[in-house]
C-alpha atoms as a PDB file:
ATOM      1  CA  MET A   1     -23.953  13.230  15.177  1.00  0.00           C
ATOM      2  CA  GLU A   2     -22.774  15.021  18.281  1.00  0.00           C
ATOM      3  CA  CYS A   3     -22.799  18.829  18.070  1.00  0.00           C
ATOM      4  CA  GLY A   4     -25.097  18.627  15.068  1.00  0.00           C
ATOM      5  CA  TYR A   5     -22.486  18.240  12.316  1.00  0.00           C
ATOM      6  CA  ALA A   6     -23.730  15.876   9.632  1.00  0.00           C
ATOM      7  CA  HIS A   7     -21.689  16.288   6.415  1.00  0.00           C
ATOM      8  CA  ALA A   8     -18.098  16.931   5.453  1.00  0.00           C
ATOM      9  CA  LEU A   9     -15.866  17.633   2.499  1.00  0.00           C
ATOM     10  CA  LEU A  10     -12.405  16.081   2.834  1.00  0.00           C
ATOM     11  CA  TYR A  11      -9.449  17.629   1.028  1.00  0.00           C
ATOM     12  CA  ASP A  12      -5.953  16.206   0.650  1.00  0.00           C
ATOM     13  CA  ASN A  13      -2.898  18.212   1.645  1.00  0.00           C
ATOM     14  CA  LEU A  14      -2.656  19.623  -1.888  1.00  0.00           C
ATOM     15  CA  GLY A  15      -6.100  21.184  -1.538  1.00  0.00           C
ATOM     16  CA  ASP A  16      -7.845  18.756  -3.877  1.00  0.00           C
ATOM     17  CA  LEU A  17     -11.273  17.460  -2.940  1.00  0.00           C
ATOM     18  CA  LEU A  18     -10.895  13.829  -1.921  1.00  0.00           C
ATOM     19  CA  LEU A  19     -14.524  13.050  -1.128  1.00  0.00           C
ATOM     20  CA  SER A  20     -17.743  14.174   0.465  1.00  0.00           C
ATOM     21  CA  THR A  21     -19.450  12.123   3.135  1.00  0.00           C
ATOM     22  CA  ARG A  22     -21.939  11.957   5.930  1.00  0.00           C
ATOM     23  CA  LEU A  23     -20.199  12.097   9.282  1.00  0.00           C
ATOM     24  CA  ASP A  24     -22.152   9.093  10.524  1.00  0.00           C
ATOM     25  CA  ASP A  25     -20.356   6.882   7.967  1.00  0.00           C
ATOM     26  CA  ARG A  26     -17.969   5.625  10.606  1.00  0.00           C
ATOM     27  CA  ARG A  27     -16.436   2.864   8.468  1.00  0.00           C
ATOM     28  CA  LEU A  28     -15.466   5.290   5.702  1.00  0.00           C
ATOM     29  CA  LEU A  29     -13.980   7.755   8.176  1.00  0.00           C
ATOM     30  CA  GLU A  30     -11.990   4.966   9.847  1.00  0.00           C
ATOM     31  CA  GLU A  31     -10.610   3.857   6.464  1.00  0.00           C
ATOM     32  CA  VAL A  32      -9.644   7.404   5.499  1.00  0.00           C
ATOM     33  CA  HIS A  33      -8.016   7.909   8.889  1.00  0.00           C
ATOM     34  CA  GLY A  34      -6.085   4.649   8.505  1.00  0.00           C
ATOM     35  CA  TYR A  35      -4.809   5.692   5.094  1.00  0.00           C
ATOM     36  CA  PHE A  36      -3.569   9.083   6.215  1.00  0.00           C
ATOM     37  CA  ALA A  37      -2.237   7.857   9.580  1.00  0.00           C
ATOM     38  CA  GLY A  38      -0.211   5.221   7.724  1.00  0.00           C
ATOM     39  CA  HIS A  39       1.688   7.935   5.853  1.00  0.00           C
ATOM     40  CA  GLY A  40       3.019   9.715   8.901  1.00  0.00           C
ATOM     41  CA  LEU A  41       3.292  13.462   8.510  1.00  0.00           C
ATOM     42  CA  GLN A  42       3.708  13.332   4.725  1.00  0.00           C
ATOM     43  CA  LEU A  43      -0.034  13.467   4.063  1.00  0.00           C
ATOM     44  CA  TYR A  44      -2.865  15.142   5.908  1.00  0.00           C
ATOM     45  CA  LEU A  45      -6.497  16.126   5.488  1.00  0.00           C
ATOM     46  CA  ASP A  46      -8.385  19.363   5.703  1.00  0.00           C
ATOM     47  CA  ILE A  47     -12.013  18.881   6.643  1.00  0.00           C
ATOM     48  CA  ALA A  48     -14.914  21.254   6.038  1.00  0.00           C
ATOM     49  CA  ALA A  49     -17.738  20.136   8.344  1.00  0.00           C
ATOM     50  CA  PHE A  50     -21.341  21.257   7.834  1.00  0.00           C
ATOM     51  CA  HIS A  51     -24.076  21.363  10.454  1.00  0.00           C
ATOM     52  CA  ASP A  52     -27.183  19.277   9.841  1.00  0.00           C
ATOM     53  CA  GLU A  53     -29.162  22.501   9.451  1.00  0.00           C
ATOM     54  CA  ASP A  54     -26.846  23.488   6.565  1.00  0.00           C
ATOM     55  CA  THR A  55     -27.417  20.465   4.324  1.00  0.00           C
ATOM     56  CA  ASP A  56     -28.410  22.752   1.450  1.00  0.00           C
ATOM     57  CA  LEU A  57     -25.154  24.695   1.833  1.00  0.00           C
ATOM     58  CA  PHE A  58     -23.168  21.431   1.933  1.00  0.00           C
ATOM     59  CA  GLU A  59     -24.845  20.144  -1.253  1.00  0.00           C
ATOM     60  CA  SER A  60     -24.346  23.457  -3.047  1.00  0.00           C
ATOM     61  CA  PHE A  61     -20.686  23.658  -2.028  1.00  0.00           C
ATOM     62  CA  ARG A  62     -20.076  20.006  -2.987  1.00  0.00           C
ATOM     63  CA  ASP A  63     -21.703  20.489  -6.386  1.00  0.00           C
ATOM     64  CA  GLU A  64     -19.619  23.603  -7.067  1.00  0.00           C
ATOM     65  CA  GLU A  65     -16.427  21.792  -6.056  1.00  0.00           C
ATOM     66  CA  HIS A  66     -17.244  18.982  -8.508  1.00  0.00           C
ATOM     67  CA  ARG A  67     -17.862  21.498 -11.294  1.00  0.00           C
ATOM     68  CA  PHE A  68     -14.545  23.204 -10.483  1.00  0.00           C
ATOM     69  CA  TYR A  69     -12.602  19.934 -10.700  1.00  0.00           C
ATOM     70  CA  GLU A  70     -14.390  18.864 -13.890  1.00  0.00           C
ATOM     71  CA  ARG A  71     -13.353  22.149 -15.516  1.00  0.00           C
ATOM     72  CA  ALA A  72      -9.772  21.767 -14.249  1.00  0.00           C
ATOM     73  CA  VAL A  73      -9.501  18.211 -15.599  1.00  0.00           C
ATOM     74  CA  SER A  74     -11.017  19.252 -18.942  1.00  0.00           C
ATOM     75  CA  ALA A  75      -8.494  22.079 -19.257  1.00  0.00           C
ATOM     76  CA  ARG A  76      -5.603  19.652 -18.786  1.00  0.00           C
ATOM     77  CA  ARG A  77      -6.768  17.278 -21.553  1.00  0.00           C
ATOM     78  CA  PRO A  78      -4.763  17.720 -24.751  1.00  0.00           C
ATOM     79  CA  GLU A  79      -7.866  17.728 -26.953  1.00  0.00           C
ATOM     80  CA  SER A  80      -9.297  20.688 -25.020  1.00  0.00           C
ATOM     81  CA  ARG A  81      -6.284  22.839 -25.894  1.00  0.00           C
ATOM     82  CA  GLN A  82      -6.896  22.851 -29.627  1.00  0.00           C
END
């Protein structure tokens, strides 16, 4: 990847993690771009890009984001409120 960036976390305009990906996955990035471009200015992405030398940081951040969302989803389930 040019400039050395290799991984990214993509967030929707509400701040929710949409997905994590390698930046060389051109097909995926084109599909995501097509989805958001098709919605005009109503939807947009925030992208956190990680340099290839920071793969460990990317993986750690991604794992923590997944744990955060798992906890948030669990808290919203009715059975978890008992």
